[in-house]
């Protein structure tokens, strides 16, 4: 299964700043993200137009404030 996944790289000039923006936007809605790494992963997924498959409630919170983030939850 892992052979079919593509490796996405971090673009420091873009992704770190956008991850911080995502974190602040989620905080404005009254939630705290437990890991900034989730915001960084979401930032890369948005930039590359990838679908973020996850099993993490924090990603759902990020997706609520980032309409460009495409997700597939394994929590359901």
Foldseek 3Di string as FASTA:
>chain_A
DVVPDDDFDQDVVFQVVQLVVLQVQLVVVPDHQPDSVLSSVQSRCLVVVHEAEDADVSNVSSCVRPVSHHYDYPPD
